[in-house]
C-alpha cells in the first residue's frame, strides 16, 4: 500500500489496527485503506463502549479460580524491573479490564485443579493484558515464559505423557478466537471466528486426559 496507510502509535505499521502478542495465535485486523484504518482504530480506542466491538480469547492456565467467572480490573504499565515486560501498577498505569470465565477444570479428583480452560473477554486492549492479568490472579498461561515461569514446576505433578506435551509447548497457550466490530463504511456488524490451531488443540486434548474437576 506504499505511503497510503497510516501506522499506529507513531510507528510505521501500515494499516495495522489490532495486533496480537508474539506467539499468540488467532485473529487480527489490517485495514486496506486509510479511511477504513481510521474508522476501525476509533472503534478499538473506544473499547466497544458505543459499538459492537468484541474480543474473545481461549486460554489454558495453571490452576483454576474457585469462581466460574470474574473480572480483573488492574492498571498496567511497563515493569520497573524489566522494561520488556508489563506489570500491574497502582499508579501511573493505563486502565485494563479483562472478563474471564472458566470453561473446564482439570486435575486429580478431590485435589486442587492443575489446569483450567478459560475464556477471556477484553474490555480494554493493552499490551500483554490477558497474560499479565491471569498471572496477577495466580493462574498464568501454560507456556508463558515471561509471566508464568514460576509455575513451570507444576508440570512435575502431571503424568509423564501429559508433562511431555506441556513441556514441549513452545508458546503461551492463548488464542484470539472471536472478533466482532462494525464495518467502518457500511456500519454492518462483522463477526469472525478462528478455530484453535493444531498445537493448542493438541495441548488441550492432552490436558483433557486428566479427570475433569
N, C-alpha and C. Protein backbone atom coordinates (compact mmCIF):
# COMPACT_ATOMS: atom_id res chain seq x y z
N UNK A 1 0.81 -1.22 0.00
CA UNK A 1 0.00 0.00 0.00
C UNK A 1 0.84 1.26 0.00
N UNK A 2 2.15 1.11 0.00
CA UNK A 2 3.03 2.27 -0.07
C UNK A 2 2.81 3.23 1.09
N UNK A 3 2.68 4.52 0.78
CA UNK A 3 2.51 5.53 1.81
C UNK A 3 1.06 5.90 2.04
N UNK A 4 0.13 5.10 1.52
CA UNK A 4 -1.29 5.47 1.59
C UNK A 4 -1.93 5.14 2.93
N UNK A 5 -1.25 4.38 3.78
CA UNK A 5 -1.84 3.97 5.06
C UNK A 5 -1.02 4.49 6.22
N UNK A 6 -1.73 4.91 7.27
CA UNK A 6 -1.06 5.39 8.48
C UNK A 6 -0.66 4.21 9.36
N UNK A 7 0.23 4.49 10.30
CA UNK A 7 0.66 3.47 11.24
C UNK A 7 -0.07 3.61 12.56
N UNK A 8 0.48 3.00 13.61
CA UNK A 8 -0.13 3.08 14.93
C UNK A 8 0.94 3.44 15.94
N UNK A 9 0.56 4.24 16.93
CA UNK A 9 1.48 4.58 18.00
C UNK A 9 2.74 5.25 17.54
N UNK A 10 2.67 5.98 16.43
CA UNK A 10 3.85 6.66 15.93
C UNK A 10 4.86 5.74 15.27
N UNK A 11 4.47 4.49 15.07
CA UNK A 11 5.37 3.51 14.47
C UNK A 11 4.87 3.17 13.07
N UNK A 12 5.79 2.91 12.17
CA UNK A 12 5.44 2.60 10.79
C UNK A 12 4.93 1.16 10.68
N UNK A 13 3.64 0.99 10.92
CA UNK A 13 2.98 -0.31 10.75
C UNK A 13 1.74 -0.09 9.91
N UNK A 14 1.89 0.07 8.61
CA UNK A 14 0.77 0.49 7.76
C UNK A 14 -0.46 -0.41 7.87
N UNK A 15 -1.58 0.20 8.18
CA UNK A 15 -2.85 -0.49 8.17
C UNK A 15 -3.14 -1.37 9.36
N UNK A 16 -2.19 -1.58 10.24
CA UNK A 16 -2.42 -2.47 11.39
C UNK A 16 -3.37 -1.79 12.37
N UNK A 17 -4.48 -2.46 12.65
CA UNK A 17 -5.48 -1.91 13.57
C UNK A 17 -5.43 -2.66 14.91
N UNK A 18 -5.41 -3.99 14.83
CA UNK A 18 -5.46 -4.82 16.04
C UNK A 18 -4.39 -5.90 15.93
N UNK A 19 -3.44 -5.87 16.84
CA UNK A 19 -2.32 -6.81 16.81
C UNK A 19 -2.49 -7.90 17.86
N UNK A 20 -1.60 -8.88 17.81
CA UNK A 20 -1.51 -9.91 18.83
C UNK A 20 -0.09 -9.94 19.37
N UNK A 21 0.04 -10.39 20.62
CA UNK A 21 1.38 -10.62 21.16
C UNK A 21 2.10 -11.66 20.32
N UNK A 22 3.41 -11.55 20.29
CA UNK A 22 4.19 -12.59 19.64
C UNK A 22 3.82 -13.96 20.24
N UNK A 23 3.59 -14.92 19.37
CA UNK A 23 3.26 -16.30 19.74
C UNK A 23 1.84 -16.51 20.24
N UNK A 24 1.02 -15.47 20.22
CA UNK A 24 -0.42 -15.66 20.42
C UNK A 24 -1.04 -15.89 19.05
N UNK A 25 -1.87 -16.92 18.93
CA UNK A 25 -2.48 -17.23 17.63
C UNK A 25 -3.85 -16.57 17.52
N UNK A 26 -4.40 -16.56 16.30
CA UNK A 26 -5.76 -16.11 16.11
C UNK A 26 -5.91 -14.89 15.24
N UNK A 27 -6.97 -14.14 15.48
CA UNK A 27 -7.44 -13.08 14.60
C UNK A 27 -6.78 -11.74 14.88
N UNK A 28 -6.43 -11.04 13.80
CA UNK A 28 -6.00 -9.65 13.91
C UNK A 28 -6.67 -8.88 12.77
N UNK A 29 -6.51 -7.56 12.77
CA UNK A 29 -7.20 -6.71 11.80
C UNK A 29 -6.19 -5.83 11.08
N UNK A 30 -6.26 -5.85 9.75
CA UNK A 30 -5.43 -4.97 8.92
C UNK A 30 -6.35 -4.25 7.94
N UNK A 31 -6.29 -2.92 7.93
CA UNK A 31 -7.11 -2.13 7.01
C UNK A 31 -6.40 -1.98 5.66
N UNK A 32 -7.18 -1.89 4.60
CA UNK A 32 -6.62 -1.76 3.26
C UNK A 32 -6.65 -0.32 2.74
N UNK A 33 -7.43 0.54 3.42
CA UNK A 33 -7.46 1.95 3.04
C UNK A 33 -7.33 2.79 4.31
N UNK A 34 -6.91 4.04 4.13
CA UNK A 34 -6.73 4.88 5.31
C UNK A 34 -8.08 5.22 5.95
N UNK A 35 -9.12 5.35 5.13
CA UNK A 35 -10.45 5.61 5.69
C UNK A 35 -10.89 4.47 6.60
N UNK A 36 -10.70 3.26 6.12
CA UNK A 36 -11.06 2.09 6.94
C UNK A 36 -10.20 2.04 8.20
N UNK A 37 -8.91 2.35 8.04
CA UNK A 37 -8.00 2.30 9.19
C UNK A 37 -8.43 3.27 10.28
N UNK A 38 -8.75 4.50 9.90
CA UNK A 38 -9.14 5.50 10.89
C UNK A 38 -10.44 5.09 11.58
N UNK A 39 -11.40 4.59 10.82
CA UNK A 39 -12.67 4.18 11.41
C UNK A 39 -12.53 3.00 12.35
N UNK A 40 -11.75 2.01 11.95
CA UNK A 40 -11.54 0.84 12.80
C UNK A 40 -10.74 1.21 14.04
N UNK A 41 -9.70 2.02 13.88
CA UNK A 41 -8.88 2.42 15.02
C UNK A 41 -9.72 3.15 16.07
N UNK A 42 -10.68 3.96 15.61
CA UNK A 42 -11.54 4.67 16.54
C UNK A 42 -12.39 3.70 17.36
N UNK A 43 -12.87 2.62 16.71
CA UNK A 43 -13.66 1.62 17.44
C UNK A 43 -12.84 0.94 18.52
N UNK A 44 -11.62 0.56 18.18
CA UNK A 44 -10.79 -0.14 19.16
C UNK A 44 -10.37 0.81 20.28
N UNK A 45 -10.17 2.08 19.96
CA UNK A 45 -9.84 3.06 21.00
C UNK A 45 -11.03 3.28 21.94
N UNK A 46 -12.24 3.12 21.43
CA UNK A 46 -13.47 3.28 22.21
C UNK A 46 -13.76 2.06 23.08
N UNK A 47 -13.06 0.95 22.84
CA UNK A 47 -13.19 -0.28 23.62
C UNK A 47 -14.61 -0.85 23.61
N UNK A 48 -15.38 -0.56 22.54
CA UNK A 48 -16.70 -1.15 22.44
C UNK A 48 -17.77 -0.48 23.28
N UNK A 49 -17.45 0.67 23.86
CA UNK A 49 -18.44 1.33 24.71
C UNK A 49 -19.67 1.78 23.92
N UNK A 50 -19.48 2.16 22.66
CA UNK A 50 -20.59 2.67 21.86
C UNK A 50 -20.81 1.87 20.58
N UNK A 51 -20.21 0.70 20.49
CA UNK A 51 -20.35 -0.10 19.28
C UNK A 51 -20.29 -1.58 19.58
N UNK A 52 -20.28 -2.42 18.54
CA UNK A 52 -20.38 -3.87 18.71
C UNK A 52 -19.04 -4.58 18.91
N UNK A 53 -17.98 -3.86 19.26
CA UNK A 53 -16.66 -4.47 19.35
C UNK A 53 -16.64 -5.60 20.38
N UNK A 54 -16.13 -6.77 19.97
CA UNK A 54 -15.95 -7.91 20.87
C UNK A 54 -14.59 -8.54 20.59
N UNK A 55 -13.87 -8.92 21.64
CA UNK A 55 -12.60 -9.63 21.50
C UNK A 55 -12.58 -10.74 22.54
N UNK A 56 -12.60 -11.98 22.08
CA UNK A 56 -12.69 -13.12 22.98
C UNK A 56 -11.54 -14.09 22.71
N UNK A 57 -10.90 -14.55 23.77
CA UNK A 57 -9.72 -15.40 23.68
C UNK A 57 -9.95 -16.70 24.43
N UNK A 58 -9.33 -17.76 23.95
CA UNK A 58 -9.27 -19.03 24.67
C UNK A 58 -7.90 -19.12 25.34
N UNK A 59 -7.89 -19.45 26.63
CA UNK A 59 -6.64 -19.53 27.38
C UNK A 59 -6.61 -20.82 28.19
N UNK A 60 -5.44 -21.44 28.24
CA UNK A 60 -5.23 -22.61 29.09
C UNK A 60 -4.25 -22.17 30.18
N UNK A 61 -4.69 -22.26 31.43
CA UNK A 61 -3.92 -21.68 32.53
C UNK A 61 -3.56 -22.74 33.57
N UNK A 62 -2.56 -22.41 34.39
CA UNK A 62 -2.21 -23.25 35.53
C UNK A 62 -3.22 -23.02 36.65
N UNK A 63 -3.63 -24.10 37.31
CA UNK A 63 -4.61 -23.98 38.38
C UNK A 63 -5.96 -23.57 37.84
N UNK A 64 -6.84 -23.10 38.76
CA UNK A 64 -8.17 -22.66 38.34
C UNK A 64 -8.78 -21.78 39.42
N UNK A 65 -9.41 -20.68 39.04
CA UNK A 65 -10.13 -19.88 40.02
C UNK A 65 -11.25 -20.69 40.66
N UNK A 66 -11.60 -20.34 41.89
CA UNK A 66 -12.69 -21.03 42.57
C UNK A 66 -14.04 -20.65 41.95
N UNK A 67 -14.16 -19.39 41.55
CA UNK A 67 -15.40 -18.94 40.93
C UNK A 67 -15.44 -19.35 39.46
N UNK A 68 -16.64 -19.37 38.90
CA UNK A 68 -16.78 -19.72 37.49
C UNK A 68 -16.49 -18.54 36.57
N UNK A 69 -16.68 -17.33 37.08
CA UNK A 69 -16.42 -16.14 36.26
C UNK A 69 -16.03 -14.98 37.15
N UNK A 70 -15.40 -13.99 36.53
CA UNK A 70 -14.98 -12.83 37.28
C UNK A 70 -14.37 -11.78 36.37
N UNK A 71 -13.89 -10.72 36.96
CA UNK A 71 -13.29 -9.61 36.22
C UNK A 71 -12.01 -9.17 36.91
N UNK A 72 -10.98 -8.93 36.11
CA UNK A 72 -9.75 -8.33 36.62
C UNK A 72 -9.73 -6.89 36.14
N UNK A 73 -9.73 -5.96 37.10
CA UNK A 73 -9.65 -4.53 36.81
C UNK A 73 -8.37 -4.03 37.47
N UNK A 74 -7.27 -4.05 36.71
CA UNK A 74 -5.96 -3.72 37.27
C UNK A 74 -5.15 -2.97 36.23
N UNK A 75 -4.72 -1.77 36.57
CA UNK A 75 -3.96 -0.95 35.64
C UNK A 75 -2.61 -1.59 35.30
N UNK A 76 -2.14 -1.33 34.08
CA UNK A 76 -0.90 -1.93 33.59
C UNK A 76 0.08 -0.85 33.16
N UNK A 77 1.37 -1.13 33.35
CA UNK A 77 2.44 -0.23 32.92
C UNK A 77 3.69 -1.05 32.67
N UNK A 78 4.69 -0.44 32.05
CA UNK A 78 5.98 -1.10 31.87
C UNK A 78 6.56 -1.45 33.24
N UNK A 79 7.11 -2.64 33.36
CA UNK A 79 7.72 -3.07 34.61
C UNK A 79 8.97 -2.24 34.90
N UNK A 80 9.10 -1.77 36.12
CA UNK A 80 10.29 -1.02 36.51
C UNK A 80 11.51 -1.92 36.55
N UNK A 81 11.29 -3.21 36.80
CA UNK A 81 12.40 -4.15 36.91
C UNK A 81 12.88 -4.64 35.55
N UNK A 82 11.95 -4.69 34.57
CA UNK A 82 12.29 -5.18 33.23
C UNK A 82 11.40 -4.46 32.23
N UNK A 83 11.97 -3.53 31.48
CA UNK A 83 11.20 -2.70 30.58
C UNK A 83 10.60 -3.48 29.41
N UNK A 84 11.02 -4.72 29.22
CA UNK A 84 10.44 -5.55 28.18
C UNK A 84 9.13 -6.21 28.63
N UNK A 85 8.82 -6.08 29.91
CA UNK A 85 7.64 -6.73 30.45
C UNK A 85 6.63 -5.69 30.96
N UNK A 86 5.40 -6.15 31.15
CA UNK A 86 4.32 -5.33 31.66
C UNK A 86 3.98 -5.81 33.07
N UNK A 87 3.55 -4.88 33.91
CA UNK A 87 3.22 -5.25 35.29
C UNK A 87 1.98 -4.49 35.76
N UNK A 88 1.28 -5.08 36.71
CA UNK A 88 0.17 -4.39 37.37
C UNK A 88 0.75 -3.27 38.24
N UNK A 89 0.12 -2.11 38.19
CA UNK A 89 0.61 -0.98 38.95
C UNK A 89 -0.55 -0.26 39.63
N UNK A 90 -0.27 0.36 40.76
CA UNK A 90 -1.30 1.10 41.49
C UNK A 90 -1.35 2.57 41.08
N UNK A 91 -0.32 3.03 40.35
CA UNK A 91 -0.33 4.42 39.93
C UNK A 91 0.44 4.56 38.62
N UNK A 92 -0.01 5.47 37.79
CA UNK A 92 0.70 5.78 36.57
C UNK A 92 0.50 4.81 35.42
N UNK A 93 -0.40 3.85 35.58
CA UNK A 93 -0.62 2.87 34.53
C UNK A 93 -1.84 3.21 33.68
N UNK A 94 -2.13 2.35 32.73
CA UNK A 94 -3.30 2.50 31.87
C UNK A 94 -4.38 1.53 32.32
N UNK A 95 -5.61 2.01 32.34
CA UNK A 95 -6.73 1.18 32.76
C UNK A 95 -6.81 -0.08 31.90
N UNK A 96 -6.98 -1.23 32.55
CA UNK A 96 -7.06 -2.51 31.85
C UNK A 96 -8.09 -3.40 32.54
N UNK A 97 -9.04 -3.92 31.76
CA UNK A 97 -10.12 -4.74 32.30
C UNK A 97 -10.27 -6.01 31.47
N UNK A 98 -10.22 -7.15 32.13
CA UNK A 98 -10.40 -8.45 31.49
C UNK A 98 -11.52 -9.21 32.19
N UNK A 99 -12.51 -9.66 31.44
CA UNK A 99 -13.57 -10.51 31.98
C UNK A 99 -13.23 -11.96 31.64
N UNK A 100 -13.32 -12.86 32.61
CA UNK A 100 -12.95 -14.25 32.38
C UNK A 100 -14.05 -15.20 32.83
N UNK A 101 -14.03 -16.38 32.22
CA UNK A 101 -14.98 -17.44 32.57
C UNK A 101 -14.28 -18.78 32.48
N UNK A 102 -14.46 -19.61 33.48
CA UNK A 102 -13.90 -20.95 33.49
C UNK A 102 -14.80 -21.89 32.69
N UNK A 103 -14.22 -22.54 31.71
CA UNK A 103 -14.99 -23.50 30.90
C UNK A 103 -14.80 -24.93 31.41
N UNK A 104 -13.59 -25.29 31.79
CA UNK A 104 -13.31 -26.64 32.30
C UNK A 104 -12.16 -26.55 33.30
N UNK A 105 -12.19 -27.41 34.31
CA UNK A 105 -11.08 -27.57 35.25
C UNK A 105 -10.55 -28.99 35.14
N UNK A 106 -9.24 -29.16 35.34
CA UNK A 106 -8.62 -30.47 35.18
C UNK A 106 -7.68 -30.77 36.34
N UNK A 107 -7.72 -32.02 36.81
CA UNK A 107 -6.79 -32.44 37.85
C UNK A 107 -7.31 -33.66 38.59
N UNK A 108 -6.51 -34.17 39.53
CA UNK A 108 -6.93 -35.35 40.29
C UNK A 108 -8.20 -35.08 41.07
N UNK A 109 -9.08 -36.05 41.12
CA UNK A 109 -10.31 -35.90 41.87
C UNK A 109 -10.00 -35.66 43.34
N UNK A 110 -10.70 -34.71 43.93
CA UNK A 110 -10.51 -34.40 45.35
C UNK A 110 -9.33 -33.51 45.65
N UNK A 111 -8.61 -33.06 44.63
CA UNK A 111 -7.46 -32.19 44.83
C UNK A 111 -7.67 -30.89 44.07
N UNK A 112 -6.83 -29.91 44.36
CA UNK A 112 -6.92 -28.63 43.66
C UNK A 112 -6.64 -28.84 42.17
N UNK A 113 -7.37 -28.18 41.30
CA UNK A 113 -7.15 -28.34 39.86
C UNK A 113 -5.71 -27.99 39.46
N UNK A 114 -5.19 -28.73 38.49
CA UNK A 114 -3.86 -28.44 37.98
C UNK A 114 -3.91 -27.43 36.84
N UNK A 115 -5.03 -27.40 36.12
CA UNK A 115 -5.14 -26.52 34.96
C UNK A 115 -6.60 -26.22 34.69
N UNK A 116 -6.84 -25.18 33.88
CA UNK A 116 -8.20 -24.83 33.52
C UNK A 116 -8.22 -24.25 32.12
N UNK A 117 -9.32 -24.53 31.42
CA UNK A 117 -9.57 -23.91 30.12
C UNK A 117 -10.51 -22.74 30.36
N UNK A 118 -10.13 -21.55 29.89
CA UNK A 118 -10.87 -20.34 30.20
C UNK A 118 -11.16 -19.54 28.94
N UNK A 119 -12.20 -18.74 29.01
CA UNK A 119 -12.49 -17.73 28.01
C UNK A 119 -12.23 -16.37 28.62
N UNK A 120 -11.46 -15.54 27.92
CA UNK A 120 -11.17 -14.19 28.40
C UNK A 120 -11.70 -13.19 27.38
N UNK A 121 -12.45 -12.22 27.87
CA UNK A 121 -13.02 -11.19 27.00
C UNK A 121 -12.43 -9.84 27.39
N UNK A 122 -11.88 -9.15 26.42
CA UNK A 122 -11.22 -7.88 26.69
C UNK A 122 -12.22 -6.72 26.67
N UNK A 123 -12.18 -5.91 27.72
CA UNK A 123 -12.89 -4.63 27.70
C UNK A 123 -11.94 -3.53 27.25
N UNK A 124 -10.66 -3.71 27.55
CA UNK A 124 -9.60 -2.85 27.02
C UNK A 124 -8.61 -3.73 26.29
N UNK A 125 -7.67 -3.14 25.59
CA UNK A 125 -6.72 -3.94 24.84
C UNK A 125 -5.30 -3.44 25.05
N UNK A 126 -4.70 -3.79 26.17
CA UNK A 126 -3.35 -3.34 26.49
C UNK A 126 -2.33 -4.43 26.14
N UNK A 127 -1.10 -4.02 25.98
CA UNK A 127 -0.02 -4.96 25.69
C UNK A 127 0.06 -6.03 26.77
N UNK A 128 0.05 -7.30 26.37
CA UNK A 128 0.19 -8.45 27.27
C UNK A 128 -0.94 -8.53 28.31
N UNK A 129 -2.08 -7.88 28.04
CA UNK A 129 -3.10 -7.73 29.08
C UNK A 129 -3.57 -9.06 29.69
N UNK A 130 -4.00 -10.00 28.87
CA UNK A 130 -4.52 -11.26 29.42
C UNK A 130 -3.41 -12.01 30.15
N UNK A 131 -2.24 -12.03 29.58
CA UNK A 131 -1.12 -12.76 30.20
C UNK A 131 -0.79 -12.20 31.58
N UNK A 132 -0.75 -10.88 31.70
CA UNK A 132 -0.42 -10.26 32.99
C UNK A 132 -1.58 -10.40 33.96
N UNK A 133 -2.79 -10.20 33.51
CA UNK A 133 -3.94 -10.31 34.40
C UNK A 133 -4.13 -11.73 34.93
N UNK A 134 -3.95 -12.73 34.09
CA UNK A 134 -4.09 -14.10 34.57
C UNK A 134 -2.99 -14.45 35.58
N UNK A 135 -1.78 -13.98 35.33
CA UNK A 135 -0.71 -14.18 36.30
C UNK A 135 -1.01 -13.45 37.60
N UNK A 136 -1.60 -12.26 37.49
CA UNK A 136 -1.92 -11.44 38.66
C UNK A 136 -2.89 -12.14 39.59
N UNK A 137 -3.84 -12.92 39.05
CA UNK A 137 -4.80 -13.63 39.90
C UNK A 137 -4.32 -15.03 40.24
N UNK A 138 -3.06 -15.34 39.92
CA UNK A 138 -2.47 -16.62 40.32
C UNK A 138 -2.66 -17.76 39.37
N UNK A 139 -3.05 -17.45 38.11
CA UNK A 139 -3.29 -18.51 37.13
C UNK A 139 -2.69 -18.14 35.78
N UNK A 140 -1.35 -18.13 35.71
CA UNK A 140 -0.70 -17.73 34.45
C UNK A 140 -0.95 -18.75 33.35
N UNK A 141 -0.76 -18.29 32.13
CA UNK A 141 -0.96 -19.16 30.98
C UNK A 141 0.10 -20.24 30.93
N UNK A 142 -0.30 -21.45 30.62
CA UNK A 142 0.65 -22.52 30.37
C UNK A 142 1.53 -22.12 29.18
N UNK A 143 2.83 -22.31 29.33
CA UNK A 143 3.77 -21.99 28.26
C UNK A 143 4.26 -20.55 28.24
N UNK A 144 3.78 -19.71 29.17
CA UNK A 144 4.17 -18.30 29.17
C UNK A 144 5.49 -18.13 29.93
N UNK A 145 6.57 -18.02 29.18
CA UNK A 145 7.90 -17.93 29.79
C UNK A 145 8.11 -16.60 30.50
N UNK A 146 7.38 -15.55 30.12
CA UNK A 146 7.57 -14.23 30.73
C UNK A 146 6.79 -14.07 32.02
N UNK A 147 5.56 -14.55 32.05
CA UNK A 147 4.70 -14.28 33.20
C UNK A 147 4.27 -15.54 33.96
N UNK A 148 4.73 -16.71 33.51
CA UNK A 148 4.33 -17.93 34.19
C UNK A 148 5.46 -18.89 34.47
N UNK A 149 6.70 -18.42 34.32
CA UNK A 149 7.85 -19.32 34.50
C UNK A 149 7.90 -19.89 35.91
N UNK A 150 7.44 -19.11 36.90
CA UNK A 150 7.48 -19.58 38.30
C UNK A 150 6.48 -20.71 38.54
N UNK A 151 5.59 -20.98 37.59
CA UNK A 151 4.63 -22.07 37.73
C UNK A 151 5.07 -23.32 36.99
N UNK A 152 6.19 -23.27 36.31
CA UNK A 152 6.60 -24.39 35.47
C UNK A 152 6.79 -25.67 36.28
N UNK A 153 7.13 -25.54 37.56
CA UNK A 153 7.30 -26.73 38.40
C UNK A 153 6.00 -27.52 38.56
N UNK A 154 4.86 -26.86 38.29
CA UNK A 154 3.59 -27.58 38.38
C UNK A 154 3.53 -28.74 37.40
N UNK A 155 4.29 -28.66 36.31
CA UNK A 155 4.25 -29.75 35.34
C UNK A 155 4.76 -31.05 35.94
N UNK A 156 5.55 -30.97 37.01
CA UNK A 156 6.06 -32.18 37.67
C UNK A 156 4.93 -33.00 38.28
N UNK A 157 3.78 -32.38 38.51
CA UNK A 157 2.63 -33.08 39.09
C UNK A 157 1.78 -33.78 38.03
N UNK A 158 2.14 -33.58 36.76
CA UNK A 158 1.38 -34.20 35.68
C UNK A 158 1.91 -35.60 35.37
N UNK A 159 1.07 -36.49 34.87
CA UNK A 159 1.56 -37.78 34.37
C UNK A 159 2.61 -37.56 33.28
N UNK A 160 3.52 -38.51 33.14
CA UNK A 160 4.67 -38.34 32.24
C UNK A 160 4.26 -37.97 30.82
N UNK A 161 3.23 -38.63 30.28
CA UNK A 161 2.86 -38.38 28.89
C UNK A 161 2.30 -36.96 28.70
N UNK A 162 1.52 -36.50 29.67
CA UNK A 162 0.98 -35.14 29.57
C UNK A 162 2.08 -34.11 29.82
N UNK A 163 2.95 -34.39 30.76
CA UNK A 163 4.04 -33.46 31.06
C UNK A 163 4.92 -33.26 29.83
N UNK A 164 5.14 -34.30 29.07
CA UNK A 164 5.98 -34.18 27.87
C UNK A 164 5.35 -33.22 26.86
N UNK A 165 4.02 -33.28 26.71
CA UNK A 165 3.33 -32.38 25.78
C UNK A 165 3.39 -30.95 26.29
N UNK A 166 3.15 -30.76 27.59
CA UNK A 166 3.17 -29.41 28.18
C UNK A 166 4.56 -28.81 28.08
N UNK A 167 5.58 -29.57 28.44
CA UNK A 167 6.95 -29.04 28.43
C UNK A 167 7.43 -28.71 27.02
N UNK A 168 6.87 -29.39 26.03
CA UNK A 168 7.28 -29.15 24.64
C UNK A 168 6.51 -28.01 23.98
N UNK A 169 5.44 -27.54 24.64
CA UNK A 169 4.64 -26.47 24.03
C UNK A 169 5.46 -25.19 24.00
N UNK A 170 5.65 -24.57 22.82
CA UNK A 170 6.68 -23.53 22.69
C UNK A 170 6.22 -22.10 22.92
N UNK A 171 4.96 -21.90 23.35
CA UNK A 171 4.46 -20.54 23.44
C UNK A 171 3.39 -20.45 24.52
N UNK A 172 2.89 -19.23 24.77
CA UNK A 172 1.78 -19.10 25.71
C UNK A 172 0.51 -19.69 25.10
N UNK A 173 -0.26 -20.38 25.92
CA UNK A 173 -1.47 -21.07 25.45
C UNK A 173 -2.62 -20.08 25.37
N UNK A 174 -2.59 -19.25 24.32
CA UNK A 174 -3.58 -18.18 24.16
C UNK A 174 -3.93 -18.04 22.69
N UNK A 175 -5.25 -17.97 22.43
CA UNK A 175 -5.74 -17.91 21.05
C UNK A 175 -6.87 -16.90 20.94
N UNK A 176 -6.74 -15.95 20.02
CA UNK A 176 -7.79 -14.96 19.75
C UNK A 176 -8.81 -15.59 18.83
N UNK A 177 -9.88 -16.12 19.39
CA UNK A 177 -10.81 -16.93 18.62
C UNK A 177 -12.00 -16.20 18.07
N UNK A 178 -12.35 -15.04 18.63
CA UNK A 178 -13.54 -14.33 18.17
C UNK A 178 -13.27 -12.84 18.14
N UNK A 179 -13.71 -12.21 17.05
CA UNK A 179 -13.53 -10.77 16.88
C UNK A 179 -14.74 -10.22 16.13
N UNK A 180 -15.36 -9.19 16.69
CA UNK A 180 -16.52 -8.56 16.05
C UNK A 180 -16.37 -7.05 16.12
N UNK A 181 -16.80 -6.37 15.06
CA UNK A 181 -16.74 -4.91 15.02
C UNK A 181 -17.64 -4.42 13.90
N UNK A 182 -17.88 -3.12 13.87
CA UNK A 182 -18.71 -2.53 12.81
C UNK A 182 -17.84 -2.23 11.60
N UNK A 183 -18.36 -2.55 10.42
CA UNK A 183 -17.65 -2.19 9.19
C UNK A 183 -17.48 -0.67 9.18
N UNK A 184 -16.26 -0.18 8.92
CA UNK A 184 -16.00 1.25 9.06
C UNK A 184 -16.72 2.13 8.04
N UNK A 185 -17.29 1.55 6.99
CA UNK A 185 -18.01 2.33 5.99
C UNK A 185 -19.51 2.07 6.06
N UNK A 186 -19.90 0.79 6.01
CA UNK A 186 -21.34 0.46 5.97
C UNK A 186 -21.99 0.44 7.34
N UNK A 187 -21.19 0.25 8.38
CA UNK A 187 -21.74 0.13 9.73
C UNK A 187 -22.23 -1.26 10.07
N UNK A 188 -22.22 -2.17 9.12
CA UNK A 188 -22.66 -3.55 9.35
C UNK A 188 -21.76 -4.22 10.39
N UNK A 189 -22.38 -4.96 11.31
CA UNK A 189 -21.60 -5.70 12.30
C UNK A 189 -20.97 -6.92 11.64
N UNK A 190 -19.67 -7.00 11.72
CA UNK A 190 -18.92 -8.13 11.18
C UNK A 190 -18.43 -8.99 12.33
N UNK A 191 -18.53 -10.29 12.18
CA UNK A 191 -18.14 -11.22 13.25
C UNK A 191 -17.28 -12.33 12.65
N UNK A 192 -16.10 -12.53 13.21
CA UNK A 192 -15.15 -13.51 12.69
C UNK A 192 -14.76 -14.48 13.80
N UNK A 193 -14.58 -15.74 13.43
CA UNK A 193 -14.12 -16.75 14.37
C UNK A 193 -12.96 -17.52 13.77
N UNK A 194 -11.99 -17.87 14.60
CA UNK A 194 -10.82 -18.63 14.17
C UNK A 194 -10.73 -19.90 15.00
N UNK A 195 -10.70 -21.08 14.36
CA UNK A 195 -10.60 -22.32 15.13
C UNK A 195 -9.24 -22.43 15.80
N UNK A 196 -9.17 -23.23 16.83
CA UNK A 196 -7.90 -23.44 17.52
C UNK A 196 -6.86 -24.02 16.57
N UNK A 197 -5.64 -23.51 16.59
CA UNK A 197 -4.58 -24.14 15.80
C UNK A 197 -4.24 -25.51 16.37
N UNK A 198 -3.63 -26.35 15.57
CA UNK A 198 -3.41 -27.72 15.98
C UNK A 198 -2.52 -27.84 17.22
N UNK A 199 -1.53 -26.95 17.35
CA UNK A 199 -0.65 -27.08 18.53
C UNK A 199 -1.42 -26.87 19.82
N UNK A 200 -2.28 -25.85 19.87
CA UNK A 200 -3.05 -25.59 21.08
C UNK A 200 -4.15 -26.63 21.26
N UNK A 201 -4.78 -27.04 20.17
CA UNK A 201 -5.79 -28.09 20.26
C UNK A 201 -5.19 -29.37 20.81
N UNK A 202 -3.97 -29.71 20.37
CA UNK A 202 -3.30 -30.90 20.88
C UNK A 202 -2.96 -30.79 22.34
N UNK A 203 -2.55 -29.60 22.78
CA UNK A 203 -2.26 -29.39 24.21
C UNK A 203 -3.52 -29.57 25.04
N UNK A 204 -4.62 -29.02 24.58
CA UNK A 204 -5.87 -29.16 25.31
C UNK A 204 -6.32 -30.61 25.34
N UNK A 205 -6.15 -31.33 24.23
CA UNK A 205 -6.51 -32.77 24.23
C UNK A 205 -5.70 -33.52 25.27
N UNK A 206 -4.41 -33.20 25.37
CA UNK A 206 -3.57 -33.88 26.36
C UNK A 206 -4.02 -33.57 27.77
N UNK A 207 -4.31 -32.29 28.05
CA UNK A 207 -4.75 -31.90 29.39
C UNK A 207 -6.10 -32.54 29.72
N UNK A 208 -6.93 -32.72 28.71
CA UNK A 208 -8.26 -33.30 28.94
C UNK A 208 -8.20 -34.78 29.32
N UNK A 209 -7.08 -35.41 29.17
CA UNK A 209 -6.98 -36.80 29.65
C UNK A 209 -6.89 -36.85 31.17
N UNK A 210 -6.66 -35.70 31.81
CA UNK A 210 -6.78 -35.61 33.25
C UNK A 210 -8.26 -35.64 33.61
N UNK A 211 -8.62 -36.07 34.80
CA UNK A 211 -10.03 -36.03 35.21
C UNK A 211 -10.53 -34.60 35.25
N UNK A 212 -11.77 -34.36 34.83
CA UNK A 212 -12.39 -33.06 34.98
C UNK A 212 -12.82 -32.90 36.44
N UNK A 213 -12.61 -31.70 36.99
CA UNK A 213 -12.94 -31.49 38.40
C UNK A 213 -14.06 -30.45 38.53
